[in-house]
Amino acid sequence: MIKNNKLAIASKVLKQSLIYFVLIIVAIIVVYPLLWIIGTSFNPTNSISRISPIPENATLANYTRLLRDTEYIRWFINTGYVAVITSVCAVFVHTLTAFIFARFNFKGRKAGLLCVMLLQVFPAFMAVTAYYMIALTFNMLNNLNMLVIIYVATTIPINVWLIKGNLMNLPKSFDEAAYIDGATKLQVFFKIILPLSAPIISFVALISFMMPWMDYMIPRFLINRAGTMTVALGLYEMVRLQTMYYDFTAFCAGAVIIAIPIAIIYMIGQKYLIAGFASGANKGE
C-alpha cells in the first residue's frame, strides 16, 4: 500500500513537472519576441542588426519619429474607425439574425442553418478577388466602409452560430409573456433578448473589434491610398524593401503602440470572453 502511494505521488509530481515545463517553454516562445520588439523600439538606431532584447541606450526617438514623420496617427484613426463600426454593426446584425433562427420556425430554416454551418469552413481571404471586384463595381476601393461591410459579412457564420446556441438556452416563456402583454418582436429583441445575452454579445463585440484591428490581408487588396491605410498596411510600407526608406525600429514602435489597446481590451474583457465561450457552447437545433 505504501509503495503504491509513493508511486502515485511520484506519478503526480512527474505530470505536474511536465506541465510546468511545457508552460515555461511556451512562455519563453511567446514572451521573448515581445521583449525583442519592445526593446528594439527603444533602440537608438534604425536597424535590427545586432540588437539585443534590452537596448543599452534606450530612447524615445523612434516613437517621436514615427508620429512626426509618418501618417501613423491617421492609420491608427482609420483602424479604430473600422474596428469600432465593425463591432457595433456585427453585434446588431449577428444578434438579430441569430434571434430569428433561434426563436422562429419558417420555411428554409434548417437549410439556412446548414449554410451557416458550412460557411464556417471557408476562410474570409479565399474571396478577396470577389471582394475586389465588388468594391470596384460599386466604386468603393480605398473606402473604409467597404472593409466594415466585409468584416461584418464574413463573420456572420461563426457569430450567428454562437449567439444562436446561447439564445436556445433562454426559455421561450419570456418571449411569450412579453407577446401577451402586447410587446412587438423588436421590443422583445431589444428589451429581453439583448439584456439576457450580455455575455455572448460582449464576446462577439470583442472578437469583432480585434479582427479588423490586426488584419492585413483584406485591406491589402482594397486599400492603396495613404490617407485610407490601416496600421497594418502603413507599417508594412515602412519596411517594404522596394522603397528607399525603411525604419525597422520605428516599425517596432508602431507595433508596440497598436498592441496596447488590444492588450487593455483583452484584460478588461477577459471574463466576457470566457463567459461568451461558455454561453455559446450549446449548438443544438
C-alpha atoms as a PDB file:
ATOM      1  CA  MET A   1       0.000   0.000   0.000  1.00  0.00           C
ATOM      2  CA  ILE A   2       2.768   2.415   0.944  1.00  0.00           C
ATOM      3  CA  LYS A   3       4.626   1.538  -2.235  1.00  0.00           C
ATOM      4  CA  ASN A   4       1.533   2.206  -4.326  1.00  0.00           C
ATOM      5  CA  ASN A   5       1.038   5.587  -2.604  1.00  0.00           C
ATOM      6  CA  LYS A   6       4.627   6.537  -3.318  1.00  0.00           C
ATOM      7  CA  LEU A   7       4.222   5.567  -6.983  1.00  0.00           C
ATOM      8  CA  ALA A   8       1.008   7.613  -7.233  1.00  0.00           C
ATOM      9  CA  ILE A   9       2.687  10.638  -5.644  1.00  0.00           C
ATOM     10  CA  ALA A  10       5.726  10.290  -7.916  1.00  0.00           C
ATOM     11  CA  SER A  11       3.477   9.990 -10.964  1.00  0.00           C
ATOM     12  CA  LYS A  12       1.523  13.091  -9.923  1.00  0.00           C
ATOM     13  CA  VAL A  13       4.718  15.079  -9.345  1.00  0.00           C
ATOM     14  CA  LEU A  14       6.080  13.970 -12.727  1.00  0.00           C
ATOM     15  CA  LYS A  15       2.896  15.023 -14.538  1.00  0.00           C
ATOM     16  CA  GLN A  16       2.895  18.413 -12.826  1.00  0.00           C
ATOM     17  CA  SER A  17       6.584  18.883 -13.638  1.00  0.00           C
ATOM     18  CA  LEU A  18       5.942  18.124 -17.318  1.00  0.00           C
ATOM     19  CA  ILE A  19       3.029  20.564 -17.369  1.00  0.00           C
ATOM     20  CA  TYR A  20       5.131  23.337 -15.825  1.00  0.00           C
ATOM     21  CA  PHE A  21       7.996  22.543 -18.198  1.00  0.00           C
ATOM     22  CA  VAL A  22       5.728  22.861 -21.233  1.00  0.00           C
ATOM     23  CA  LEU A  23       4.215  26.100 -19.872  1.00  0.00           C
ATOM     24  CA  ILE A  24       7.695  27.556 -19.333  1.00  0.00           C
ATOM     25  CA  ILE A  25       8.757  26.656 -22.898  1.00  0.00           C
ATOM     26  CA  VAL A  26       5.562  28.179 -24.329  1.00  0.00           C
ATOM     27  CA  ALA A  27       6.049  31.312 -22.207  1.00  0.00           C
ATOM     28  CA  ILE A  28       9.601  31.731 -23.492  1.00  0.00           C
ATOM     29  CA  ILE A  29       8.458  31.282 -27.100  1.00  0.00           C
ATOM     30  CA  VAL A  30       5.718  33.887 -26.634  1.00  0.00           C
ATOM     31  CA  VAL A  31       7.437  36.391 -24.352  1.00  0.00           C
ATOM     32  CA  TYR A  32      10.888  36.597 -25.997  1.00  0.00           C
ATOM     33  CA  PRO A  33       9.640  38.022 -29.343  1.00  0.00           C
ATOM     34  CA  LEU A  34       7.547  40.554 -27.415  1.00  0.00           C
ATOM     35  CA  LEU A  35      10.550  41.639 -25.357  1.00  0.00           C
ATOM     36  CA  TRP A  36      12.641  41.817 -28.525  1.00  0.00           C
ATOM     37  CA  ILE A  37      10.103  44.062 -30.283  1.00  0.00           C
ATOM     38  CA  ILE A  38       9.703  46.319 -27.250  1.00  0.00           C
ATOM     39  CA  GLY A  39      13.467  46.540 -26.767  1.00  0.00           C
ATOM     40  CA  THR A  40      14.041  47.250 -30.452  1.00  0.00           C
ATOM     41  CA  SER A  41      11.504  50.083 -30.355  1.00  0.00           C
ATOM     42  CA  PHE A  42      13.732  51.877 -27.811  1.00  0.00           C
ATOM     43  CA  ASN A  43      16.994  51.267 -29.689  1.00  0.00           C
ATOM     44  CA  PRO A  44      18.766  54.441 -30.908  1.00  0.00           C
ATOM     45  CA  THR A  45      19.488  53.038 -34.414  1.00  0.00           C
ATOM     46  CA  ASN A  46      17.048  52.324 -37.221  1.00  0.00           C
ATOM     47  CA  SER A  47      18.318  48.824 -37.971  1.00  0.00           C
ATOM     48  CA  ILE A  48      17.535  45.431 -36.436  1.00  0.00           C
ATOM     49  CA  SER A  49      21.056  44.077 -36.815  1.00  0.00           C
ATOM     50  CA  ARG A  50      22.993  43.296 -33.611  1.00  0.00           C
ATOM     51  CA  ILE A  51      20.130  44.363 -31.388  1.00  0.00           C
ATOM     52  CA  SER A  52      19.538  42.610 -28.084  1.00  0.00           C
ATOM     53  CA  PRO A  53      16.116  42.490 -26.413  1.00  0.00           C
ATOM     54  CA  ILE A  54      17.345  45.082 -23.900  1.00  0.00           C
ATOM     55  CA  PRO A  55      18.965  48.130 -25.578  1.00  0.00           C
ATOM     56  CA  GLU A  56      21.999  49.721 -23.956  1.00  0.00           C
ATOM     57  CA  ASN A  57      20.917  53.313 -24.655  1.00  0.00           C
ATOM     58  CA  ALA A  58      17.135  53.422 -24.591  1.00  0.00           C
ATOM     59  CA  THR A  59      15.494  56.333 -26.374  1.00  0.00           C
ATOM     60  CA  LEU A  60      12.030  57.532 -27.366  1.00  0.00           C
ATOM     61  CA  ALA A  61      13.334  58.896 -30.679  1.00  0.00           C
ATOM     62  CA  ASN A  62      11.729  56.057 -32.635  1.00  0.00           C
ATOM     63  CA  TYR A  63       8.290  56.882 -31.252  1.00  0.00           C
ATOM     64  CA  THR A  64       8.810  60.576 -31.928  1.00  0.00           C
ATOM     65  CA  ARG A  65       9.978  59.897 -35.484  1.00  0.00           C
ATOM     66  CA  LEU A  66       7.064  57.527 -36.067  1.00  0.00           C
ATOM     67  CA  LEU A  67       4.437  60.077 -35.016  1.00  0.00           C
ATOM     68  CA  ARG A  68       6.180  63.050 -36.635  1.00  0.00           C
ATOM     69  CA  ASP A  69       7.474  61.708 -39.958  1.00  0.00           C
ATOM     70  CA  THR A  70       4.755  59.203 -40.896  1.00  0.00           C
ATOM     71  CA  GLU A  71       0.971  59.185 -41.090  1.00  0.00           C
ATOM     72  CA  TYR A  72       0.743  56.748 -38.192  1.00  0.00           C
ATOM     73  CA  ILE A  73      -1.890  58.790 -36.342  1.00  0.00           C
ATOM     74  CA  ARG A  74      -4.108  58.760 -39.439  1.00  0.00           C
ATOM     75  CA  TRP A  75      -3.573  54.997 -39.832  1.00  0.00           C
ATOM     76  CA  PHE A  76      -4.459  54.494 -36.168  1.00  0.00           C
ATOM     77  CA  ILE A  77      -7.655  56.544 -36.505  1.00  0.00           C
ATOM     78  CA  ASN A  78      -8.633  54.617 -39.661  1.00  0.00           C
ATOM     79  CA  THR A  79      -8.077  51.293 -37.929  1.00  0.00           C
ATOM     80  CA  GLY A  80     -10.035  52.415 -34.874  1.00  0.00           C
ATOM     81  CA  TYR A  81     -12.916  53.593 -37.067  1.00  0.00           C
ATOM     82  CA  VAL A  82     -13.145  50.261 -38.889  1.00  0.00           C
ATOM     83  CA  ALA A  83     -12.844  48.247 -35.675  1.00  0.00           C
ATOM     84  CA  VAL A  84     -15.475  50.204 -33.727  1.00  0.00           C
ATOM     85  CA  ILE A  85     -18.042  50.377 -36.532  1.00  0.00           C
ATOM     86  CA  THR A  86     -17.497  46.694 -37.333  1.00  0.00           C
ATOM     87  CA  SER A  87     -18.034  45.760 -33.691  1.00  0.00           C
ATOM     88  CA  VAL A  88     -21.264  47.764 -33.388  1.00  0.00           C
ATOM     89  CA  CYS A  89     -22.705  46.540 -36.703  1.00  0.00           C
ATOM     90  CA  ALA A  90     -21.691  42.934 -36.036  1.00  0.00           C
ATOM     91  CA  VAL A  91     -23.432  42.899 -32.650  1.00  0.00           C
ATOM     92  CA  PHE A  92     -26.689  44.217 -34.126  1.00  0.00           C
ATOM     93  CA  VAL A  93     -26.748  42.219 -37.368  1.00  0.00           C
ATOM     94  CA  HIS A  94     -25.489  38.925 -35.955  1.00  0.00           C
ATOM     95  CA  THR A  95     -27.656  39.012 -32.827  1.00  0.00           C
ATOM     96  CA  LEU A  96     -30.777  39.868 -34.815  1.00  0.00           C
ATOM     97  CA  THR A  97     -30.059  37.069 -37.312  1.00  0.00           C
ATOM     98  CA  ALA A  98     -29.444  34.561 -34.514  1.00  0.00           C
ATOM     99  CA  PHE A  99     -32.682  35.713 -32.814  1.00  0.00           C
ATOM    100  CA  ILE A 100     -34.640  34.905 -35.958  1.00  0.00           C
ATOM    101  CA  PHE A 101     -33.087  31.443 -36.300  1.00  0.00           C
ATOM    102  CA  ALA A 102     -33.454  30.615 -32.599  1.00  0.00           C
ATOM    103  CA  ARG A 103     -36.962  31.923 -31.941  1.00  0.00           C
ATOM    104  CA  PHE A 104     -38.947  31.404 -35.145  1.00  0.00           C
ATOM    105  CA  ASN A 105     -39.850  28.434 -37.320  1.00  0.00           C
ATOM    106  CA  PHE A 106     -40.042  29.247 -41.008  1.00  0.00           C
ATOM    107  CA  LYS A 107     -39.584  27.537 -44.321  1.00  0.00           C
ATOM    108  CA  GLY A 108     -35.884  27.122 -45.139  1.00  0.00           C
ATOM    109  CA  ARG A 109     -34.734  27.466 -41.516  1.00  0.00           C
ATOM    110  CA  LYS A 110     -32.831  24.177 -41.455  1.00  0.00           C
ATOM    111  CA  ALA A 111     -31.294  24.844 -44.870  1.00  0.00           C
ATOM    112  CA  GLY A 112     -30.231  28.275 -43.692  1.00  0.00           C
ATOM    113  CA  LEU A 113     -28.633  26.843 -40.562  1.00  0.00           C
ATOM    114  CA  LEU A 114     -26.827  24.261 -42.668  1.00  0.00           C
ATOM    115  CA  CYS A 115     -25.453  27.009 -44.934  1.00  0.00           C
ATOM    116  CA  VAL A 116     -24.332  28.996 -41.890  1.00  0.00           C
ATOM    117  CA  MET A 117     -22.510  25.935 -40.560  1.00  0.00           C
ATOM    118  CA  LEU A 118     -20.857  25.108 -43.896  1.00  0.00           C
ATOM    119  CA  LEU A 119     -19.707  28.687 -44.483  1.00  0.00           C
ATOM    120  CA  GLN A 120     -17.582  28.457 -41.343  1.00  0.00           C
ATOM    121  CA  VAL A 121     -15.279  26.071 -43.217  1.00  0.00           C
ATOM    122  CA  PHE A 122     -14.100  28.701 -45.705  1.00  0.00           C
ATOM    123  CA  PRO A 123     -11.710  31.464 -44.540  1.00  0.00           C
ATOM    124  CA  ALA A 124     -12.532  35.044 -45.489  1.00  0.00           C
ATOM    125  CA  PHE A 125      -9.378  35.623 -47.547  1.00  0.00           C
ATOM    126  CA  MET A 126     -10.474  32.979 -50.086  1.00  0.00           C
ATOM    127  CA  ALA A 127     -12.890  35.528 -51.535  1.00  0.00           C
ATOM    128  CA  VAL A 128     -10.548  38.518 -51.790  1.00  0.00           C
ATOM    129  CA  THR A 129     -10.857  38.556 -55.588  1.00  0.00           C
ATOM    130  CA  ALA A 130     -14.634  38.738 -55.274  1.00  0.00           C
ATOM    131  CA  TYR A 131     -14.320  41.496 -52.674  1.00  0.00           C
ATOM    132  CA  TYR A 132     -12.087  43.461 -55.021  1.00  0.00           C
ATOM    133  CA  MET A 133     -14.491  43.130 -57.950  1.00  0.00           C
ATOM    134  CA  ILE A 134     -17.468  44.152 -55.795  1.00  0.00           C
ATOM    135  CA  ALA A 135     -15.581  47.168 -54.460  1.00  0.00           C
ATOM    136  CA  LEU A 136     -14.509  48.094 -57.987  1.00  0.00           C
ATOM    137  CA  THR A 137     -18.065  47.757 -59.319  1.00  0.00           C
ATOM    138  CA  PHE A 138     -19.540  49.981 -56.615  1.00  0.00           C
ATOM    139  CA  ASN A 139     -16.602  52.426 -56.644  1.00  0.00           C
ATOM    140  CA  MET A 140     -15.646  51.535 -53.058  1.00  0.00           C
ATOM    141  CA  LEU A 141     -11.931  50.899 -53.422  1.00  0.00           C
ATOM    142  CA  ASN A 142      -9.930  52.834 -50.807  1.00  0.00           C
ATOM    143  CA  ASN A 143     -13.147  53.094 -48.799  1.00  0.00           C
ATOM    144  CA  LEU A 144     -13.040  52.123 -45.116  1.00  0.00           C
ATOM    145  CA  ASN A 145     -16.776  51.398 -45.131  1.00  0.00           C
ATOM    146  CA  MET A 146     -16.147  48.578 -47.596  1.00  0.00           C
ATOM    147  CA  LEU A 147     -13.873  46.958 -45.033  1.00  0.00           C
ATOM    148  CA  VAL A 148     -16.641  47.248 -42.433  1.00  0.00           C
ATOM    149  CA  ILE A 149     -19.133  45.555 -44.761  1.00  0.00           C
ATOM    150  CA  ILE A 150     -16.726  42.704 -45.487  1.00  0.00           C
ATOM    151  CA  TYR A 151     -15.798  42.105 -41.849  1.00  0.00           C
ATOM    152  CA  VAL A 152     -19.436  42.090 -40.741  1.00  0.00           C
ATOM    153  CA  ALA A 153     -20.475  39.781 -43.579  1.00  0.00           C
ATOM    154  CA  THR A 154     -17.613  37.291 -43.255  1.00  0.00           C
ATOM    155  CA  THR A 155     -18.149  36.797 -39.510  1.00  0.00           C
ATOM    156  CA  ILE A 156     -21.864  36.074 -39.845  1.00  0.00           C
ATOM    157  CA  PRO A 157     -21.476  32.248 -39.884  1.00  0.00           C
ATOM    158  CA  ILE A 158     -19.422  31.782 -36.722  1.00  0.00           C
ATOM    159  CA  ASN A 159     -21.055  34.568 -34.701  1.00  0.00           C
ATOM    160  CA  VAL A 160     -24.631  33.673 -35.632  1.00  0.00           C
ATOM    161  CA  TRP A 161     -23.988  30.053 -34.724  1.00  0.00           C
ATOM    162  CA  LEU A 162     -22.518  31.024 -31.350  1.00  0.00           C
ATOM    163  CA  ILE A 163     -25.268  33.511 -30.484  1.00  0.00           C
ATOM    164  CA  LYS A 164     -27.967  31.083 -31.589  1.00  0.00           C
ATOM    165  CA  GLY A 165     -26.544  28.466 -29.219  1.00  0.00           C
ATOM    166  CA  ASN A 166     -26.854  30.970 -26.386  1.00  0.00           C
ATOM    167  CA  LEU A 167     -30.398  32.014 -27.289  1.00  0.00           C
ATOM    168  CA  MET A 168     -31.510  28.381 -27.374  1.00  0.00           C
ATOM    169  CA  ASN A 169     -30.757  28.276 -23.643  1.00  0.00           C
ATOM    170  CA  LEU A 170     -33.166  31.145 -22.899  1.00  0.00           C
ATOM    171  CA  PRO A 171     -36.731  29.972 -22.126  1.00  0.00           C
ATOM    172  CA  LYS A 172     -39.254  30.964 -24.769  1.00  0.00           C
ATOM    173  CA  SER A 173     -41.706  31.691 -21.966  1.00  0.00           C
ATOM    174  CA  PHE A 174     -40.031  35.108 -21.627  1.00  0.00           C
ATOM    175  CA  ASP A 175     -40.959  35.928 -25.210  1.00  0.00           C
ATOM    176  CA  GLU A 176     -44.473  34.538 -24.870  1.00  0.00           C
ATOM    177  CA  ALA A 177     -45.140  36.547 -21.725  1.00  0.00           C
ATOM    178  CA  ALA A 178     -43.992  39.720 -23.483  1.00  0.00           C
ATOM    179  CA  TYR A 179     -46.188  38.974 -26.518  1.00  0.00           C
ATOM    180  CA  ILE A 180     -49.200  38.505 -24.231  1.00  0.00           C
ATOM    181  CA  ASP A 181     -48.510  41.927 -22.728  1.00  0.00           C
ATOM    182  CA  GLY A 182     -48.593  43.424 -26.214  1.00  0.00           C
ATOM    183  CA  ALA A 183     -44.871  43.656 -26.997  1.00  0.00           C
ATOM    184  CA  THR A 184     -43.718  43.526 -30.613  1.00  0.00           C
ATOM    185  CA  LYS A 185     -40.963  41.254 -31.864  1.00  0.00           C
ATOM    186  CA  LEU A 186     -38.484  44.140 -31.958  1.00  0.00           C
ATOM    187  CA  GLN A 187     -39.388  45.110 -28.395  1.00  0.00           C
ATOM    188  CA  VAL A 188     -38.774  41.533 -27.288  1.00  0.00           C
ATOM    189  CA  PHE A 189     -35.438  41.601 -29.076  1.00  0.00           C
ATOM    190  CA  PHE A 190     -34.226  44.893 -27.589  1.00  0.00           C
ATOM    191  CA  LYS A 191     -35.730  44.673 -24.094  1.00  0.00           C
ATOM    192  CA  ILE A 192     -35.463  40.943 -23.340  1.00  0.00           C
ATOM    193  CA  ILE A 193     -33.063  39.144 -25.661  1.00  0.00           C
ATOM    194  CA  LEU A 194     -30.228  41.692 -25.665  1.00  0.00           C
ATOM    195  CA  PRO A 195     -30.044  42.164 -21.857  1.00  0.00           C
ATOM    196  CA  LEU A 196     -30.162  38.403 -21.210  1.00  0.00           C
ATOM    197  CA  SER A 197     -27.495  37.732 -23.849  1.00  0.00           C
ATOM    198  CA  ALA A 198     -24.917  40.182 -22.493  1.00  0.00           C
ATOM    199  CA  PRO A 199     -22.046  37.637 -22.133  1.00  0.00           C
ATOM    200  CA  ILE A 200     -22.206  36.299 -25.698  1.00  0.00           C
ATOM    201  CA  ILE A 201     -22.832  39.791 -27.109  1.00  0.00           C
ATOM    202  CA  SER A 202     -19.759  41.087 -25.282  1.00  0.00           C
ATOM    203  CA  PHE A 203     -17.773  38.202 -26.710  1.00  0.00           C
ATOM    204  CA  VAL A 204     -18.939  38.949 -30.254  1.00  0.00           C
ATOM    205  CA  ALA A 205     -18.196  42.655 -29.799  1.00  0.00           C
ATOM    206  CA  LEU A 206     -14.644  41.912 -28.617  1.00  0.00           C
ATOM    207  CA  ILE A 207     -13.693  39.475 -31.364  1.00  0.00           C
ATOM    208  CA  SER A 208     -15.356  41.695 -33.990  1.00  0.00           C
ATOM    209  CA  PHE A 209     -13.225  44.584 -32.760  1.00  0.00           C
ATOM    210  CA  MET A 210      -9.982  42.591 -32.689  1.00  0.00           C
ATOM    211  CA  MET A 211     -10.208  41.143 -36.197  1.00  0.00           C
ATOM    212  CA  PRO A 212     -10.024  44.403 -38.237  1.00  0.00           C
ATOM    213  CA  TRP A 213      -7.552  45.824 -35.732  1.00  0.00           C
ATOM    214  CA  MET A 214      -4.974  43.177 -36.640  1.00  0.00           C
ATOM    215  CA  ASP A 215      -5.962  42.182 -40.190  1.00  0.00           C
ATOM    216  CA  TYR A 216      -3.619  42.781 -43.106  1.00  0.00           C
ATOM    217  CA  MET A 217      -4.788  40.510 -45.925  1.00  0.00           C
ATOM    218  CA  ILE A 218      -8.151  42.057 -46.865  1.00  0.00           C
ATOM    219  CA  PRO A 219      -7.081  45.733 -46.595  1.00  0.00           C
ATOM    220  CA  ARG A 220      -4.030  44.894 -48.731  1.00  0.00           C
ATOM    221  CA  PHE A 221      -6.291  44.135 -51.700  1.00  0.00           C
ATOM    222  CA  LEU A 222      -8.724  47.016 -51.251  1.00  0.00           C
ATOM    223  CA  ILE A 223      -6.635  49.914 -49.917  1.00  0.00           C
ATOM    224  CA  ASN A 224      -3.657  51.552 -51.638  1.00  0.00           C
ATOM    225  CA  ARG A 225      -4.100  55.234 -50.791  1.00  0.00           C
ATOM    226  CA  ALA A 226      -2.023  56.586 -47.888  1.00  0.00           C
ATOM    227  CA  GLY A 227      -4.899  58.517 -46.368  1.00  0.00           C
ATOM    228  CA  THR A 228      -7.095  55.422 -46.010  1.00  0.00           C
ATOM    229  CA  MET A 229      -4.470  52.894 -44.929  1.00  0.00           C
ATOM    230  CA  THR A 230      -4.826  50.921 -41.732  1.00  0.00           C
ATOM    231  CA  VAL A 231      -1.956  50.470 -39.303  1.00  0.00           C
ATOM    232  CA  ALA A 232      -1.063  47.041 -40.687  1.00  0.00           C
ATOM    233  CA  LEU A 233      -0.698  48.430 -44.221  1.00  0.00           C
ATOM    234  CA  GLY A 234       1.169  51.525 -43.082  1.00  0.00           C
ATOM    235  CA  LEU A 235       3.701  49.568 -41.048  1.00  0.00           C
ATOM    236  CA  TYR A 236       4.259  47.216 -43.964  1.00  0.00           C
ATOM    237  CA  GLU A 237       5.005  50.143 -46.260  1.00  0.00           C
ATOM    238  CA  MET A 238       7.600  51.380 -43.766  1.00  0.00           C
ATOM    239  CA  VAL A 239       9.726  48.237 -44.123  1.00  0.00           C
ATOM    240  CA  ARG A 240       8.926  47.247 -47.707  1.00  0.00           C
ATOM    241  CA  LEU A 241      12.277  46.540 -49.344  1.00  0.00           C
ATOM    242  CA  GLN A 242      11.235  48.110 -52.651  1.00  0.00           C
ATOM    243  CA  THR A 243      11.112  51.534 -51.006  1.00  0.00           C
ATOM    244  CA  MET A 244      14.111  53.738 -50.342  1.00  0.00           C
ATOM    245  CA  TYR A 245      13.037  54.427 -46.771  1.00  0.00           C
ATOM    246  CA  TYR A 246      12.624  51.690 -44.217  1.00  0.00           C
ATOM    247  CA  ASP A 247      12.897  52.074 -40.498  1.00  0.00           C
ATOM    248  CA  PHE A 248      12.696  48.858 -38.531  1.00  0.00           C
ATOM    249  CA  THR A 249      12.933  50.428 -35.084  1.00  0.00           C
ATOM    250  CA  ALA A 250      10.070  52.819 -35.867  1.00  0.00           C
ATOM    251  CA  PHE A 251       8.186  49.802 -37.208  1.00  0.00           C
ATOM    252  CA  CYS A 252       8.625  48.099 -33.820  1.00  0.00           C
ATOM    253  CA  ALA A 253       7.483  51.286 -32.074  1.00  0.00           C
ATOM    254  CA  GLY A 254       4.330  51.247 -34.188  1.00  0.00           C
ATOM    255  CA  ALA A 255       3.753  47.580 -33.367  1.00  0.00           C
ATOM    256  CA  VAL A 256       4.033  48.327 -29.644  1.00  0.00           C
ATOM    257  CA  ILE A 257       1.545  51.213 -29.847  1.00  0.00           C
ATOM    258  CA  ILE A 258      -1.018  49.244 -31.825  1.00  0.00           C
ATOM    259  CA  ALA A 259      -0.768  46.340 -29.375  1.00  0.00           C
ATOM    260  CA  ILE A 260      -1.576  48.471 -26.311  1.00  0.00           C
ATOM    261  CA  PRO A 261      -5.359  48.935 -26.985  1.00  0.00           C
ATOM    262  CA  ILE A 262      -5.797  45.230 -27.731  1.00  0.00           C
ATOM    263  CA  ALA A 263      -3.951  44.264 -24.545  1.00  0.00           C
ATOM    264  CA  ILE A 264      -6.091  46.648 -22.459  1.00  0.00           C
ATOM    265  CA  ILE A 265      -9.340  45.479 -24.065  1.00  0.00           C
ATOM    266  CA  TYR A 266      -8.368  41.840 -23.595  1.00  0.00           C
ATOM    267  CA  MET A 267      -7.539  42.336 -19.912  1.00  0.00           C
ATOM    268  CA  ILE A 268     -10.780  44.212 -19.277  1.00  0.00           C
ATOM    269  CA  GLY A 269     -12.929  41.844 -21.319  1.00  0.00           C
ATOM    270  CA  GLN A 270     -11.282  38.541 -20.416  1.00  0.00           C
ATOM    271  CA  LYS A 271     -14.189  37.460 -18.223  1.00  0.00           C
ATOM    272  CA  TYR A 272     -16.604  38.263 -21.041  1.00  0.00           C
ATOM    273  CA  LEU A 273     -14.571  36.154 -23.459  1.00  0.00           C
ATOM    274  CA  ILE A 274     -14.693  33.179 -21.093  1.00  0.00           C
ATOM    275  CA  ALA A 275     -18.389  33.688 -20.396  1.00  0.00           C
ATOM    276  CA  GLY A 276     -19.059  34.047 -24.114  1.00  0.00           C
ATOM    277  CA  PHE A 277     -17.333  30.763 -24.915  1.00  0.00           C
ATOM    278  CA  ALA A 278     -19.356  29.013 -22.228  1.00  0.00           C
ATOM    279  CA  SER A 279     -22.704  30.584 -23.126  1.00  0.00           C
ATOM    280  CA  GLY A 280     -22.286  29.822 -26.818  1.00  0.00           C
ATOM    281  CA  ALA A 281     -21.343  26.206 -26.290  1.00  0.00           C
ATOM    282  CA  ASN A 282     -24.843  24.848 -26.951  1.00  0.00           C
ATOM    283  CA  LYS A 283     -25.215  24.323 -30.680  1.00  0.00           C
ATOM    284  CA  GLY A 284     -28.476  22.426 -30.667  1.00  0.00           C
ATOM    285  CA  GLU A 285     -31.293  22.958 -33.133  1.00  0.00           C
END
